[in-house]
C-alpha atoms as a PDB file:
ATOM      1  CA  MET A   1      -0.604  19.346-107.522  1.00  0.00           C
ATOM      2  CA  PRO A   2      -1.754  19.586-103.820  1.00  0.00           C
ATOM      3  CA  VAL A   3      -3.362  16.499-102.171  1.00  0.00           C
ATOM      4  CA  ILE A   4      -6.634  17.011-100.712  1.00  0.00           C
ATOM      5  CA  ILE A   5      -7.504  15.067 -97.664  1.00  0.00           C
ATOM      6  CA  ASP A   6     -11.141  14.352 -96.946  1.00  0.00           C
ATOM      7  CA  GLN A   7     -11.876  15.347 -93.626  1.00  0.00           C
ATOM      8  CA  ARG A   8     -13.929  12.272 -93.084  1.00  0.00           C
ATOM      9  CA  ASP A   9     -10.947  10.162 -93.296  1.00  0.00           C
ATOM     10  CA  ILE A  10      -9.567  11.877 -90.485  1.00  0.00           C
ATOM     11  CA  LEU A  11     -12.045  11.295 -88.381  1.00  0.00           C
ATOM     12  CA  PHE A  12     -13.149   7.609 -89.440  1.00  0.00           C
ATOM     13  CA  ARG A  13     -10.050   5.980 -90.833  1.00  0.00           C
ATOM     14  CA  SER A  14      -7.856   6.117 -87.855  1.00  0.00           C
ATOM     15  CA  ILE A  15      -5.885   3.298 -87.410  1.00  0.00           C
ATOM     16  CA  GLU A  16      -5.506   3.737 -83.343  1.00  0.00           C
ATOM     17  CA  ALA A  17      -8.427   3.557 -80.811  1.00  0.00           C
ATOM     18  CA  ASP A  18      -7.701   4.488 -77.141  1.00  0.00           C
ATOM     19  CA  ILE A  19      -8.890   1.743 -74.258  1.00  0.00           C
ATOM     20  CA  MET A  20      -9.432   3.045 -70.763  1.00  0.00           C
ATOM     21  CA  VAL A  21      -7.825   0.800 -68.352  1.00  0.00           C
ATOM     22  CA  GLY A  22      -8.400   2.299 -65.190  1.00  0.00           C
ATOM     23  CA  ASN A  23      -5.196   2.955 -63.189  1.00  0.00           C
ATOM     24  CA  SER A  24      -3.519  -0.370 -63.824  1.00  0.00           C
ATOM     25  CA  ASP A  25       0.126  -0.802 -64.947  1.00  0.00           C
ATOM     26  CA  GLU A  26      -0.622  -4.642 -65.378  1.00  0.00           C
ATOM     27  CA  LYS A  27      -4.060  -3.811 -67.605  1.00  0.00           C
ATOM     28  CA  SER A  28      -2.195  -0.966 -69.650  1.00  0.00           C
ATOM     29  CA  GLU A  29       0.585  -3.855 -70.286  1.00  0.00           C
ATOM     30  CA  MET A  30      -1.776  -6.375 -71.491  1.00  0.00           C
ATOM     31  CA  VAL A  31      -3.444  -4.266 -73.542  1.00  0.00           C
ATOM     32  CA  GLU A  32      -0.257  -2.787 -75.464  1.00  0.00           C
ATOM     33  CA  GLY A  33       1.144  -6.341 -75.646  1.00  0.00           C
ATOM     34  CA  ALA A  34      -1.980  -8.041 -76.721  1.00  0.00           C
ATOM     35  CA  ILE A  35      -3.319  -5.576 -79.183  1.00  0.00           C
ATOM     36  CA  GLY A  36      -0.953  -2.447 -79.053  1.00  0.00           C
ATOM     37  CA  GLU A  37       0.861  -1.001 -81.673  1.00  0.00           C
ATOM     38  CA  MET A  38       3.251  -3.055 -83.732  1.00  0.00           C
ATOM     39  CA  SER A  39       1.867  -6.214 -82.264  1.00  0.00           C
ATOM     40  CA  ALA A  40       0.657  -9.322 -84.140  1.00  0.00           C
ATOM     41  CA  PHE A  41      -3.099  -8.049 -83.844  1.00  0.00           C
ATOM     42  CA  HIS A  42      -1.876  -4.441 -85.518  1.00  0.00           C
ATOM     43  CA  ASN A  43       0.200  -6.507 -88.269  1.00  0.00           C
ATOM     44  CA  THR A  44      -2.844  -8.664 -88.849  1.00  0.00           C
ATOM     45  CA  PHE A  45      -5.650  -6.228 -88.927  1.00  0.00           C
ATOM     46  CA  GLY A  46      -4.312  -2.845 -89.463  1.00  0.00           C
ATOM     47  CA  TYR A  47      -5.220  -0.973 -86.433  1.00  0.00           C
ATOM     48  CA  TYR A  48      -4.072  -1.236 -82.712  1.00  0.00           C
ATOM     49  CA  ALA A  49      -5.176   0.129 -78.959  1.00  0.00           C
ATOM     50  CA  GLN A  50      -3.251   2.305 -76.498  1.00  0.00           C
ATOM     51  CA  ALA A  51      -4.324   1.871 -73.063  1.00  0.00           C
ATOM     52  CA  VAL A  52      -5.140   5.252 -71.213  1.00  0.00           C
ATOM     53  CA  ASP A  53      -5.607   6.319 -67.780  1.00  0.00           C
ATOM     54  CA  SER A  54      -6.969   9.061 -65.802  1.00  0.00           C
ATOM     55  CA  SER A  55      -3.084   9.903 -65.624  1.00  0.00           C
ATOM     56  CA  THR A  56      -2.989  10.277 -69.562  1.00  0.00           C
ATOM     57  CA  SER A  57      -6.335  11.927 -70.306  1.00  0.00           C
ATOM     58  CA  VAL A  58      -8.484  14.498 -68.761  1.00  0.00           C
ATOM     59  CA  LEU A  59     -11.835  14.407 -69.268  1.00  0.00           C
ATOM     60  CA  PRO A  60     -15.155  16.391 -68.549  1.00  0.00           C
ATOM     61  CA  ASN A  61     -17.101  15.082 -64.936  1.00  0.00           C
ATOM     62  CA  SER A  62     -20.103  13.510 -65.561  1.00  0.00           C
ATOM     63  CA  ARG A  63     -18.919  11.834 -68.862  1.00  0.00           C
ATOM     64  CA  LYS A  64     -20.259   8.329 -67.611  1.00  0.00           C
ATOM     65  CA  ASP A  65     -23.518   9.998 -68.074  1.00  0.00           C
ATOM     66  CA  ARG A  66     -23.180  10.689 -71.585  1.00  0.00           C
ATOM     67  CA  VAL A  67     -21.405   7.189 -72.888  1.00  0.00           C
ATOM     68  CA  VAL A  68     -22.530   5.962 -76.165  1.00  0.00           C
ATOM     69  CA  LYS A  69     -22.992   2.153 -75.944  1.00  0.00           C
ATOM     70  CA  VAL A  70     -22.211   0.297 -79.208  1.00  0.00           C
ATOM     71  CA  CYS A  71     -23.498  -3.178 -79.623  1.00  0.00           C
ATOM     72  CA  ASN A  72     -24.253  -4.705 -82.703  1.00  0.00           C
ATOM     73  CA  GLU A  73     -23.432  -7.890 -84.961  1.00  0.00           C
ATOM     74  CA  LYS A  74     -19.890  -6.154 -85.791  1.00  0.00           C
ATOM     75  CA  THR A  75     -19.474  -6.487 -82.024  1.00  0.00           C
ATOM     76  CA  HIS A  76     -20.434  -9.940 -81.301  1.00  0.00           C
ATOM     77  CA  SER A  77     -22.696  -8.501 -79.209  1.00  0.00           C
ATOM     78  CA  ILE A  78     -20.353  -7.212 -76.923  1.00  0.00           C
ATOM     79  CA  THR A  79     -20.974  -3.659 -75.577  1.00  0.00           C
ATOM     80  CA  GLY A  80     -18.471  -1.180 -76.000  1.00  0.00           C
ATOM     81  CA  LEU A  81     -18.835   2.015 -74.027  1.00  0.00           C
ATOM     82  CA  CYS A  82     -17.518   5.054 -76.098  1.00  0.00           C
ATOM     83  CA  LEU A  83     -16.832   8.995 -75.237  1.00  0.00           C
ATOM     84  CA  GLU A  84     -19.545  11.334 -76.545  1.00  0.00           C
ATOM     85  CA  ILE A  85     -17.979  13.208 -79.023  1.00  0.00           C
ATOM     86  CA  HIS A  86     -17.537  16.437 -77.197  1.00  0.00           C
ATOM     87  CA  ASP A  87     -15.956  14.648 -74.079  1.00  0.00           C
ATOM     88  CA  LEU A  88     -13.852  13.093 -76.571  1.00  0.00           C
ATOM     89  CA  MET A  89     -12.636  16.584 -78.027  1.00  0.00           C
ATOM     90  CA  ILE A  90     -12.138  18.267 -74.566  1.00  0.00           C
ATOM     91  CA  SER A  91      -9.563  15.331 -73.859  1.00  0.00           C
ATOM     92  CA  LYS A  92      -8.022  15.509 -77.352  1.00  0.00           C
ATOM     93  CA  LEU A  93      -7.657  19.364 -77.029  1.00  0.00           C
ATOM     94  CA  TYR A  94      -5.957  19.212 -73.651  1.00  0.00           C
ATOM     95  CA  ALA A  95      -3.458  16.807 -75.102  1.00  0.00           C
ATOM     96  CA  GLY A  96      -2.678  19.241 -77.722  1.00  0.00           C
ATOM     97  CA  ARG A  97      -0.783  17.033 -80.042  1.00  0.00           C
ATOM     98  CA  GLU A  98      -0.646  17.723 -83.736  1.00  0.00           C
ATOM     99  CA  LYS A  99      -2.869  14.775 -84.774  1.00  0.00           C
ATOM    100  CA  ASP A 100      -5.431  15.680 -82.142  1.00  0.00           C
ATOM    101  CA  LEU A 101      -5.634  19.201 -83.491  1.00  0.00           C
ATOM    102  CA  LYS A 102      -6.169  17.776 -87.156  1.00  0.00           C
ATOM    103  CA  PHE A 103      -9.078  15.102 -85.645  1.00  0.00           C
ATOM    104  CA  PHE A 104     -10.631  18.615 -83.784  1.00  0.00           C
ATOM    105  CA  ASN A 105     -10.499  20.139 -87.401  1.00  0.00           C
ATOM    106  CA  ALA A 106     -11.946  17.516 -89.191  1.00  0.00           C
ATOM    107  CA  ALA A 107     -14.949  17.469 -86.815  1.00  0.00           C
ATOM    108  CA  VAL A 108     -15.066  21.281 -86.870  1.00  0.00           C
ATOM    109  CA  SER A 109     -15.079  20.967 -90.795  1.00  0.00           C
ATOM    110  CA  LEU A 110     -17.831  18.433 -90.815  1.00  0.00           C
ATOM    111  CA  ASN A 111     -20.247  20.234 -88.394  1.00  0.00           C
ATOM    112  CA  VAL A 112     -20.420  17.048 -85.924  1.00  0.00           C
ATOM    113  CA  ILE A 113     -19.438  19.190 -82.771  1.00  0.00           C
ATOM    114  CA  SER A 114     -20.743  22.790 -81.455  1.00  0.00           C
ATOM    115  CA  LYS A 115     -18.885  25.013 -80.029  1.00  0.00           C
ATOM    116  CA  GLU A 116     -21.109  25.801 -77.065  1.00  0.00           C
ATOM    117  CA  THR A 117     -21.262  22.257 -75.977  1.00  0.00           C
ATOM    118  CA  LEU A 118     -17.337  22.251 -76.114  1.00  0.00           C
ATOM    119  CA  ILE A 119     -17.006  25.293 -73.704  1.00  0.00           C
ATOM    120  CA  GLU A 120     -19.756  23.785 -71.659  1.00  0.00           C
ATOM    121  CA  ARG A 121     -17.557  20.570 -71.470  1.00  0.00           C
ATOM    122  CA  LEU A 122     -14.439  22.149 -70.739  1.00  0.00           C
ATOM    123  CA  ASN A 123     -16.261  24.468 -67.576  1.00  0.00           C
ATOM    124  CA  LEU A 124     -17.063  20.721 -66.309  1.00  0.00           C
ATOM    125  CA  THR A 125     -13.054  19.654 -66.775  1.00  0.00           C
ATOM    126  CA  GLU A 126     -11.029  19.866 -63.639  1.00  0.00           C
ATOM    127  CA  ILE A 127      -8.046  21.325 -64.963  1.00  0.00           C
ATOM    128  CA  SER A 128      -5.646  24.433 -64.361  1.00  0.00           C
ATOM    129  CA  ASP A 129      -6.485  28.182 -65.370  1.00  0.00           C
ATOM    130  CA  ARG A 130      -3.325  27.816 -67.746  1.00  0.00           C
ATOM    131  CA  LYS A 131      -4.472  24.853 -69.291  1.00  0.00           C
ATOM    132  CA  ARG A 132      -8.091  25.786 -69.514  1.00  0.00           C
ATOM    133  CA  HIS A 133      -6.525  28.896 -71.769  1.00  0.00           C
ATOM    134  CA  THR A 134      -4.759  26.650 -74.255  1.00  0.00           C
ATOM    135  CA  THR A 135      -7.495  24.300 -74.448  1.00  0.00           C
ATOM    136  CA  GLU A 136     -10.052  26.893 -75.160  1.00  0.00           C
ATOM    137  CA  ASP A 137      -7.878  28.754 -77.496  1.00  0.00           C
ATOM    138  CA  PRO A 138      -8.042  25.867 -80.424  1.00  0.00           C
ATOM    139  CA  ILE A 139     -11.858  26.019 -79.725  1.00  0.00           C
ATOM    140  CA  ASN A 140     -12.219  29.523 -80.770  1.00  0.00           C
ATOM    141  CA  ARG A 141     -10.049  29.555 -83.464  1.00  0.00           C
ATOM    142  CA  GLY A 142     -11.591  26.547 -84.794  1.00  0.00           C
ATOM    143  CA  PHE A 143     -15.192  27.999 -85.152  1.00  0.00           C
ATOM    144  CA  SER A 144     -14.071  31.318 -86.171  1.00  0.00           C
ATOM    145  CA  LYS A 145     -13.111  30.333 -89.725  1.00  0.00           C
END
């Protein structure tokens, strides 16, 4: 009997969160040590953070104008700044890892992203022509199903 995977699980039940730390090795090490994979935090709460910076992620220009602020009782009134989903998808498609492509396909399946907006954001991203093509290819394939 085949295993049926709910696409929402792929999008909403990730045990990993990326935290942008700027270009600081010291801050990256602090995040990874305190709340990173295999840390006491991870073992206690079942999820962890990975430190990312501009050398490990590629994002569209003007993304800061589109961040989504999250602040509520669950964040103890601390405001988190989260990438808008299309900006996040460009970064994931650029990385092109299997888990990122699964994440993208789940978002397409659940109709929470648009091809037009992704292409627009890709055009705002400073990358080589070769990487632009390899990033755009899964967008075209994902929306042709």
